[in-house]
Amino acid sequence: MSKVEDFLTAAEEQEIIEAIRIAEKSTSGEIRIHIEHGSHLDAFERAMEVFHFLKMDNTKLQNGVLIYVAVDAKTFVIYGDKGINDVVPNGFWDSTKDIMQSHFKAKRFKQGLIEGVLKAGKQLEEHFPWIHNDINELPNEISKG
């Protein structure tokens, strides 16, 4: 098995998907996680490419958040679209990344991803609350490359 398949168990993936569902329950925002070996591109450039590939740049309010994980490269990027980036407090993404990184360093990958998802979800809920007839624009499943 490759490191991507070893990164999370099936049960852990389900717990993370449930965290995404909970985080998105009270917001129109969208959160996705993409896990892959890595890329020949810089991690940030690759995250932007994946963001587009997953159609996260098509959300109505530009409030998508991608957590991109390059397992072999041991790096990750949190990428928020313009709508959410414009309203989160300064340093929000860095503080979220720090929390996740502390879990990752201790090999608690599931917990790091869940905390990152829930923290992003709170900001999305605050700035983009769920409104009547709001639809889930993107799937909650973890994508893999």
N, C-alpha and C. Protein backbone atom coordinates (compact mmCIF):
# COMPACT_ATOMS: atom_id res chain seq x y z
N MET A 1 0.84 -1.20 0.00
CA MET A 1 0.00 0.00 0.00
C MET A 1 0.87 1.25 0.00
N SER A 2 0.40 2.27 -0.69
CA SER A 2 1.14 3.52 -0.72
C SER A 2 0.84 4.32 0.54
N LYS A 3 1.60 5.37 0.74
CA LYS A 3 1.41 6.20 1.91
C LYS A 3 0.05 6.90 1.92
N VAL A 4 -0.51 7.21 0.75
CA VAL A 4 -1.81 7.86 0.69
C VAL A 4 -2.87 6.96 1.32
N GLU A 5 -2.84 5.67 0.99
CA GLU A 5 -3.82 4.75 1.55
C GLU A 5 -3.56 4.49 3.03
N ASP A 6 -2.31 4.58 3.45
CA ASP A 6 -1.95 4.37 4.85
C ASP A 6 -2.20 5.60 5.72
N PHE A 7 -2.36 6.74 5.11
CA PHE A 7 -2.47 8.00 5.84
C PHE A 7 -3.66 8.00 6.80
N LEU A 8 -4.79 7.48 6.34
CA LEU A 8 -6.01 7.41 7.16
C LEU A 8 -6.67 6.04 6.95
N THR A 9 -7.26 5.51 8.00
CA THR A 9 -8.05 4.30 7.85
C THR A 9 -9.42 4.68 7.30
N ALA A 10 -10.16 3.70 6.83
CA ALA A 10 -11.51 3.95 6.33
C ALA A 10 -12.39 4.56 7.43
N ALA A 11 -12.24 4.07 8.65
CA ALA A 11 -13.03 4.60 9.77
C ALA A 11 -12.65 6.05 10.05
N GLU A 12 -11.36 6.35 9.99
CA GLU A 12 -10.92 7.74 10.21
C GLU A 12 -11.45 8.66 9.12
N GLU A 13 -11.44 8.18 7.88
CA GLU A 13 -12.01 8.98 6.79
C GLU A 13 -13.47 9.30 7.06
N GLN A 14 -14.22 8.33 7.55
CA GLN A 14 -15.64 8.55 7.84
C GLN A 14 -15.82 9.58 8.96
N GLU A 15 -14.94 9.55 9.96
CA GLU A 15 -15.01 10.54 11.04
C GLU A 15 -14.73 11.94 10.50
N ILE A 16 -13.79 12.05 9.57
CA ILE A 16 -13.46 13.35 8.98
C ILE A 16 -14.62 13.85 8.11
N ILE A 17 -15.21 12.95 7.34
CA ILE A 17 -16.37 13.32 6.51
C ILE A 17 -17.51 13.80 7.40
N GLU A 18 -17.70 13.15 8.54
CA GLU A 18 -18.74 13.59 9.49
C GLU A 18 -18.40 14.98 10.04
N ALA A 19 -17.12 15.25 10.29
CA ALA A 19 -16.70 16.59 10.76
C ALA A 19 -17.00 17.64 9.68
N ILE A 20 -16.78 17.29 8.42
CA ILE A 20 -17.10 18.22 7.33
C ILE A 20 -18.60 18.49 7.32
N ARG A 21 -19.39 17.42 7.45
CA ARG A 21 -20.86 17.58 7.47
C ARG A 21 -21.29 18.49 8.61
N ILE A 22 -20.72 18.28 9.78
CA ILE A 22 -21.04 19.11 10.95
C ILE A 22 -20.61 20.56 10.71
N ALA A 23 -19.41 20.74 10.19
CA ALA A 23 -18.89 22.09 9.95
C ALA A 23 -19.73 22.85 8.93
N GLU A 24 -20.27 22.13 7.95
CA GLU A 24 -21.05 22.78 6.89
C GLU A 24 -22.54 22.90 7.23
N LYS A 25 -22.96 22.29 8.33
CA LYS A 25 -24.38 22.25 8.68
C LYS A 25 -25.00 23.64 8.83
N SER A 26 -24.22 24.58 9.35
CA SER A 26 -24.76 25.92 9.65
C SER A 26 -24.16 27.01 8.77
N THR A 27 -23.66 26.61 7.60
CA THR A 27 -23.03 27.60 6.71
C THR A 27 -23.30 27.26 5.26
N SER A 28 -23.20 28.27 4.42
CA SER A 28 -23.28 28.03 2.97
C SER A 28 -21.89 27.70 2.42
N GLY A 29 -20.88 27.80 3.27
CA GLY A 29 -19.50 27.52 2.85
C GLY A 29 -19.28 26.05 2.55
N GLU A 30 -18.19 25.77 1.85
CA GLU A 30 -17.85 24.42 1.44
C GLU A 30 -16.42 24.10 1.86
N ILE A 31 -16.23 22.91 2.42
CA ILE A 31 -14.90 22.46 2.84
C ILE A 31 -14.61 21.14 2.15
N ARG A 32 -13.43 21.03 1.56
CA ARG A 32 -12.99 19.77 0.94
C ARG A 32 -11.59 19.43 1.43
N ILE A 33 -11.29 18.15 1.41
CA ILE A 33 -9.94 17.67 1.72
C ILE A 33 -9.47 16.85 0.53
N HIS A 34 -8.24 17.10 0.11
CA HIS A 34 -7.63 16.33 -0.97
C HIS A 34 -6.30 15.80 -0.48
N ILE A 35 -6.10 14.49 -0.64
CA ILE A 35 -4.87 13.83 -0.19
C ILE A 35 -4.23 13.15 -1.39
N GLU A 36 -2.92 13.40 -1.56
CA GLU A 36 -2.18 12.73 -2.63
C GLU A 36 -0.72 12.57 -2.22
N HIS A 37 0.03 11.85 -3.05
CA HIS A 37 1.45 11.63 -2.76
C HIS A 37 2.19 12.97 -2.72
N GLY A 38 1.97 13.76 -3.72
CA GLY A 38 2.67 15.02 -3.89
C GLY A 38 2.60 15.40 -5.35
N SER A 39 3.37 16.38 -5.73
CA SER A 39 3.32 16.89 -7.08
C SER A 39 4.67 17.49 -7.43
N HIS A 40 4.91 17.62 -8.73
CA HIS A 40 6.11 18.32 -9.16
C HIS A 40 5.97 19.83 -8.94
N LEU A 41 4.76 20.28 -8.69
CA LEU A 41 4.50 21.69 -8.43
C LEU A 41 4.76 22.02 -6.96
N ASP A 42 4.95 23.28 -6.68
CA ASP A 42 4.97 23.79 -5.32
C ASP A 42 3.63 23.44 -4.68
N ALA A 43 3.61 23.13 -3.38
CA ALA A 43 2.38 22.70 -2.70
C ALA A 43 1.25 23.72 -2.84
N PHE A 44 1.57 25.00 -2.73
CA PHE A 44 0.53 26.02 -2.86
C PHE A 44 -0.03 26.05 -4.28
N GLU A 45 0.85 25.98 -5.28
CA GLU A 45 0.40 25.95 -6.67
C GLU A 45 -0.47 24.73 -6.93
N ARG A 46 -0.06 23.59 -6.40
CA ARG A 46 -0.83 22.37 -6.57
C ARG A 46 -2.19 22.48 -5.88
N ALA A 47 -2.22 23.08 -4.69
CA ALA A 47 -3.49 23.28 -3.99
C ALA A 47 -4.44 24.13 -4.83
N MET A 48 -3.92 25.18 -5.45
CA MET A 48 -4.77 26.02 -6.30
C MET A 48 -5.28 25.23 -7.51
N GLU A 49 -4.43 24.38 -8.08
CA GLU A 49 -4.83 23.54 -9.20
C GLU A 49 -5.94 22.56 -8.78
N VAL A 50 -5.77 21.93 -7.62
CA VAL A 50 -6.78 20.99 -7.10
C VAL A 50 -8.08 21.74 -6.78
N PHE A 51 -7.95 22.93 -6.21
CA PHE A 51 -9.11 23.77 -5.89
C PHE A 51 -9.97 23.96 -7.14
N HIS A 52 -9.31 24.28 -8.25
CA HIS A 52 -10.01 24.47 -9.52
C HIS A 52 -10.57 23.14 -10.04
N PHE A 53 -9.76 22.07 -9.99
CA PHE A 53 -10.18 20.76 -10.48
C PHE A 53 -11.42 20.26 -9.75
N LEU A 54 -11.50 20.52 -8.44
CA LEU A 54 -12.65 20.11 -7.63
C LEU A 54 -13.83 21.07 -7.76
N LYS A 55 -13.68 22.07 -8.61
CA LYS A 55 -14.72 23.07 -8.87
C LYS A 55 -15.06 23.90 -7.64
N MET A 56 -14.09 24.04 -6.76
CA MET A 56 -14.33 24.82 -5.55
C MET A 56 -14.38 26.32 -5.85
N ASP A 57 -13.86 26.72 -6.98
CA ASP A 57 -13.91 28.13 -7.37
C ASP A 57 -15.25 28.48 -8.00
N ASN A 58 -16.18 27.53 -8.03
CA ASN A 58 -17.51 27.78 -8.58
C ASN A 58 -18.57 28.02 -7.51
N THR A 59 -18.18 28.11 -6.25
CA THR A 59 -19.19 28.35 -5.22
C THR A 59 -19.75 29.76 -5.37
N LYS A 60 -21.01 29.88 -5.12
CA LYS A 60 -21.74 31.14 -5.33
C LYS A 60 -21.11 32.32 -4.58
N LEU A 61 -20.72 32.10 -3.33
CA LEU A 61 -20.20 33.19 -2.49
C LEU A 61 -18.67 33.16 -2.34
N GLN A 62 -18.00 32.37 -3.16
CA GLN A 62 -16.54 32.24 -3.11
C GLN A 62 -16.08 31.92 -1.68
N ASN A 63 -16.75 30.92 -1.10
CA ASN A 63 -16.48 30.58 0.30
C ASN A 63 -16.08 29.11 0.47
N GLY A 64 -15.30 28.63 -0.48
CA GLY A 64 -14.78 27.27 -0.38
C GLY A 64 -13.43 27.26 0.33
N VAL A 65 -13.19 26.19 1.08
CA VAL A 65 -11.91 26.01 1.78
C VAL A 65 -11.39 24.61 1.43
N LEU A 66 -10.17 24.55 0.93
CA LEU A 66 -9.53 23.29 0.60
C LEU A 66 -8.38 23.03 1.56
N ILE A 67 -8.36 21.82 2.11
CA ILE A 67 -7.19 21.36 2.86
C ILE A 67 -6.51 20.34 1.96
N TYR A 68 -5.35 20.72 1.46
CA TYR A 68 -4.57 19.89 0.54
C TYR A 68 -3.42 19.26 1.31
N VAL A 69 -3.31 17.94 1.22
CA VAL A 69 -2.25 17.20 1.93
C VAL A 69 -1.41 16.43 0.92
N ALA A 70 -0.10 16.69 0.91
CA ALA A 70 0.86 15.94 0.09
C ALA A 70 1.61 15.01 1.05
N VAL A 71 1.21 13.76 1.09
CA VAL A 71 1.70 12.81 2.09
C VAL A 71 3.21 12.59 1.98
N ASP A 72 3.69 12.24 0.79
CA ASP A 72 5.12 11.94 0.64
C ASP A 72 5.99 13.16 0.90
N ALA A 73 5.50 14.32 0.51
CA ALA A 73 6.25 15.56 0.71
C ALA A 73 6.12 16.08 2.15
N LYS A 74 5.23 15.46 2.92
CA LYS A 74 4.98 15.87 4.31
C LYS A 74 4.68 17.36 4.43
N THR A 75 3.74 17.79 3.62
CA THR A 75 3.33 19.19 3.65
C THR A 75 1.82 19.27 3.41
N PHE A 76 1.26 20.40 3.77
CA PHE A 76 -0.16 20.63 3.51
C PHE A 76 -0.40 22.12 3.36
N VAL A 77 -1.51 22.44 2.71
CA VAL A 77 -1.90 23.83 2.45
C VAL A 77 -3.38 23.96 2.79
N ILE A 78 -3.72 25.06 3.43
CA ILE A 78 -5.13 25.41 3.61
C ILE A 78 -5.38 26.57 2.66
N TYR A 79 -6.28 26.37 1.73
CA TYR A 79 -6.54 27.41 0.73
C TYR A 79 -8.00 27.83 0.79
N GLY A 80 -8.24 29.09 1.10
CA GLY A 80 -9.59 29.63 1.14
C GLY A 80 -9.82 30.54 -0.05
N ASP A 81 -11.00 30.45 -0.63
CA ASP A 81 -11.37 31.30 -1.76
C ASP A 81 -11.50 32.76 -1.31
N LYS A 82 -11.64 33.65 -2.26
CA LYS A 82 -11.64 35.09 -2.01
C LYS A 82 -12.69 35.51 -0.98
N GLY A 83 -13.90 34.96 -1.07
CA GLY A 83 -14.97 35.37 -0.16
C GLY A 83 -14.62 35.15 1.30
N ILE A 84 -14.09 33.99 1.62
CA ILE A 84 -13.74 33.68 3.00
C ILE A 84 -12.44 34.38 3.39
N ASN A 85 -11.48 34.44 2.48
CA ASN A 85 -10.21 35.12 2.78
C ASN A 85 -10.41 36.58 3.15
N ASP A 86 -11.38 37.22 2.51
CA ASP A 86 -11.62 38.64 2.75
C ASP A 86 -12.20 38.94 4.14
N VAL A 87 -12.75 37.92 4.82
CA VAL A 87 -13.43 38.20 6.08
C VAL A 87 -12.82 37.54 7.32
N VAL A 88 -11.94 36.56 7.14
CA VAL A 88 -11.35 35.93 8.32
C VAL A 88 -10.34 36.88 8.96
N PRO A 89 -10.14 36.77 10.28
CA PRO A 89 -9.16 37.63 10.94
C PRO A 89 -7.75 37.39 10.42
N ASN A 90 -6.92 38.42 10.50
CA ASN A 90 -5.52 38.26 10.11
C ASN A 90 -4.90 37.11 10.90
N GLY A 91 -4.14 36.28 10.23
CA GLY A 91 -3.46 35.17 10.89
C GLY A 91 -4.33 33.94 11.10
N PHE A 92 -5.60 33.98 10.69
CA PHE A 92 -6.49 32.85 10.93
C PHE A 92 -5.98 31.57 10.29
N TRP A 93 -5.61 31.62 9.02
CA TRP A 93 -5.15 30.41 8.34
C TRP A 93 -3.86 29.90 8.96
N ASP A 94 -2.97 30.81 9.35
CA ASP A 94 -1.71 30.38 10.00
C ASP A 94 -1.99 29.70 11.33
N SER A 95 -2.91 30.24 12.12
CA SER A 95 -3.21 29.62 13.41
C SER A 95 -3.88 28.27 13.22
N THR A 96 -4.71 28.15 12.19
CA THR A 96 -5.34 26.86 11.88
C THR A 96 -4.27 25.86 11.45
N LYS A 97 -3.37 26.31 10.61
CA LYS A 97 -2.29 25.44 10.14
C LYS A 97 -1.41 24.99 11.32
N ASP A 98 -1.14 25.89 12.26
CA ASP A 98 -0.32 25.54 13.43
C ASP A 98 -0.97 24.43 14.26
N ILE A 99 -2.27 24.53 14.47
CA ILE A 99 -3.00 23.51 15.23
C ILE A 99 -2.92 22.17 14.52
N MET A 100 -3.17 22.19 13.22
CA MET A 100 -3.11 20.96 12.45
C MET A 100 -1.70 20.38 12.46
N GLN A 101 -0.72 21.24 12.29
CA GLN A 101 0.67 20.78 12.23
C GLN A 101 1.11 20.12 13.53
N SER A 102 0.65 20.65 14.66
CA SER A 102 1.02 20.04 15.94
C SER A 102 0.48 18.61 16.03
N HIS A 103 -0.72 18.38 15.52
CA HIS A 103 -1.27 17.02 15.49
C HIS A 103 -0.52 16.15 14.48
N PHE A 104 -0.23 16.71 13.32
CA PHE A 104 0.47 15.93 12.29
C PHE A 104 1.84 15.48 12.78
N LYS A 105 2.56 16.37 13.47
CA LYS A 105 3.88 16.02 13.97
C LYS A 105 3.81 14.86 14.95
N ALA A 106 2.69 14.74 15.65
CA ALA A 106 2.50 13.64 16.61
C ALA A 106 1.80 12.44 15.94
N LYS A 107 1.70 12.48 14.61
CA LYS A 107 1.08 11.41 13.81
C LYS A 107 -0.41 11.23 14.10
N ARG A 108 -1.06 12.29 14.58
CA ARG A 108 -2.51 12.29 14.80
C ARG A 108 -3.18 13.00 13.61
N PHE A 109 -3.09 12.37 12.45
CA PHE A 109 -3.54 13.01 11.21
C PHE A 109 -5.04 13.24 11.20
N LYS A 110 -5.80 12.24 11.64
CA LYS A 110 -7.26 12.40 11.68
C LYS A 110 -7.64 13.58 12.56
N GLN A 111 -7.07 13.66 13.75
CA GLN A 111 -7.43 14.74 14.68
C GLN A 111 -7.03 16.10 14.12
N GLY A 112 -5.87 16.17 13.47
CA GLY A 112 -5.45 17.42 12.86
C GLY A 112 -6.41 17.88 11.79
N LEU A 113 -6.83 16.96 10.94
CA LEU A 113 -7.78 17.32 9.88
C LEU A 113 -9.13 17.71 10.46
N ILE A 114 -9.61 16.97 11.44
CA ILE A 114 -10.90 17.31 12.06
C ILE A 114 -10.84 18.70 12.69
N GLU A 115 -9.80 18.99 13.43
CA GLU A 115 -9.71 20.32 14.07
C GLU A 115 -9.61 21.43 13.03
N GLY A 116 -8.87 21.20 11.95
CA GLY A 116 -8.79 22.19 10.88
C GLY A 116 -10.15 22.43 10.24
N VAL A 117 -10.87 21.36 9.97
CA VAL A 117 -12.20 21.44 9.37
C VAL A 117 -13.15 22.20 10.28
N LEU A 118 -13.18 21.84 11.56
CA LEU A 118 -14.13 22.48 12.48
C LEU A 118 -13.79 23.96 12.71
N LYS A 119 -12.51 24.28 12.75
CA LYS A 119 -12.10 25.69 12.94
C LYS A 119 -12.50 26.51 11.71
N ALA A 120 -12.27 25.98 10.51
CA ALA A 120 -12.70 26.67 9.29
C ALA A 120 -14.22 26.79 9.27
N GLY A 121 -14.90 25.73 9.70
CA GLY A 121 -16.36 25.74 9.72
C GLY A 121 -16.93 26.84 10.60
N LYS A 122 -16.28 27.10 11.73
CA LYS A 122 -16.77 28.17 12.62
C LYS A 122 -16.68 29.54 11.94
N GLN A 123 -15.59 29.78 11.23
CA GLN A 123 -15.45 31.05 10.50
C GLN A 123 -16.47 31.14 9.37
N LEU A 124 -16.65 30.03 8.67
CA LEU A 124 -17.65 30.02 7.59
C LEU A 124 -19.05 30.29 8.14
N GLU A 125 -19.37 29.66 9.27
CA GLU A 125 -20.68 29.87 9.88
C GLU A 125 -20.87 31.33 10.30
N GLU A 126 -19.82 31.91 10.87
CA GLU A 126 -19.91 33.30 11.32
C GLU A 126 -20.13 34.27 10.16
N HIS A 127 -19.44 34.05 9.07
CA HIS A 127 -19.48 35.00 7.95
C HIS A 127 -20.42 34.60 6.82
N PHE A 128 -20.74 33.32 6.74
CA PHE A 128 -21.62 32.83 5.68
C PHE A 128 -22.64 31.86 6.29
N PRO A 129 -23.55 32.38 7.12
CA PRO A 129 -24.51 31.49 7.78
C PRO A 129 -25.42 30.80 6.76
N TRP A 130 -25.88 29.62 7.15
CA TRP A 130 -26.81 28.88 6.32
C TRP A 130 -28.09 29.67 6.19
N ILE A 131 -28.61 29.73 4.99
CA ILE A 131 -29.89 30.40 4.77
C ILE A 131 -30.87 29.38 4.18
N HIS A 132 -32.15 29.65 4.35
CA HIS A 132 -33.19 28.75 3.87
C HIS A 132 -32.96 28.41 2.39
N ASN A 133 -33.14 27.16 2.05
CA ASN A 133 -32.96 26.64 0.69
C ASN A 133 -31.51 26.55 0.24
N ASP A 134 -30.57 26.76 1.15
CA ASP A 134 -29.17 26.62 0.81
C ASP A 134 -28.89 25.15 0.48
N ILE A 135 -28.09 24.92 -0.56
CA ILE A 135 -27.76 23.54 -0.93
C ILE A 135 -26.27 23.29 -0.74
N ASN A 136 -25.94 22.05 -0.48
CA ASN A 136 -24.55 21.64 -0.40
C ASN A 136 -24.02 21.59 -1.83
N GLU A 137 -23.17 22.54 -2.19
CA GLU A 137 -22.73 22.67 -3.57
C GLU A 137 -21.68 21.64 -3.97
N LEU A 138 -20.95 21.10 -3.00
CA LEU A 138 -19.86 20.17 -3.30
C LEU A 138 -19.94 18.95 -2.39
N PRO A 139 -19.46 17.80 -2.86
CA PRO A 139 -19.50 16.60 -2.00
C PRO A 139 -18.57 16.73 -0.80
N ASN A 140 -18.86 16.00 0.26
CA ASN A 140 -18.04 16.05 1.48
C ASN A 140 -16.94 14.99 1.49
N GLU A 141 -16.95 14.08 0.54
CA GLU A 141 -15.96 13.00 0.52
C GLU A 141 -14.55 13.55 0.38
N ILE A 142 -13.60 12.80 0.89
CA ILE A 142 -12.18 13.13 0.74
C ILE A 142 -11.76 12.70 -0.65
N SER A 143 -11.17 13.62 -1.41
CA SER A 143 -10.69 13.24 -2.73
C SER A 143 -9.23 12.83 -2.63
N LYS A 144 -8.82 11.96 -3.53
CA LYS A 144 -7.45 11.46 -3.50
C LYS A 144 -6.87 11.51 -4.90
N GLY A 145 -5.58 11.79 -4.95
CA GLY A 145 -4.92 11.87 -6.24
C GLY A 145 -3.77 10.93 -6.33
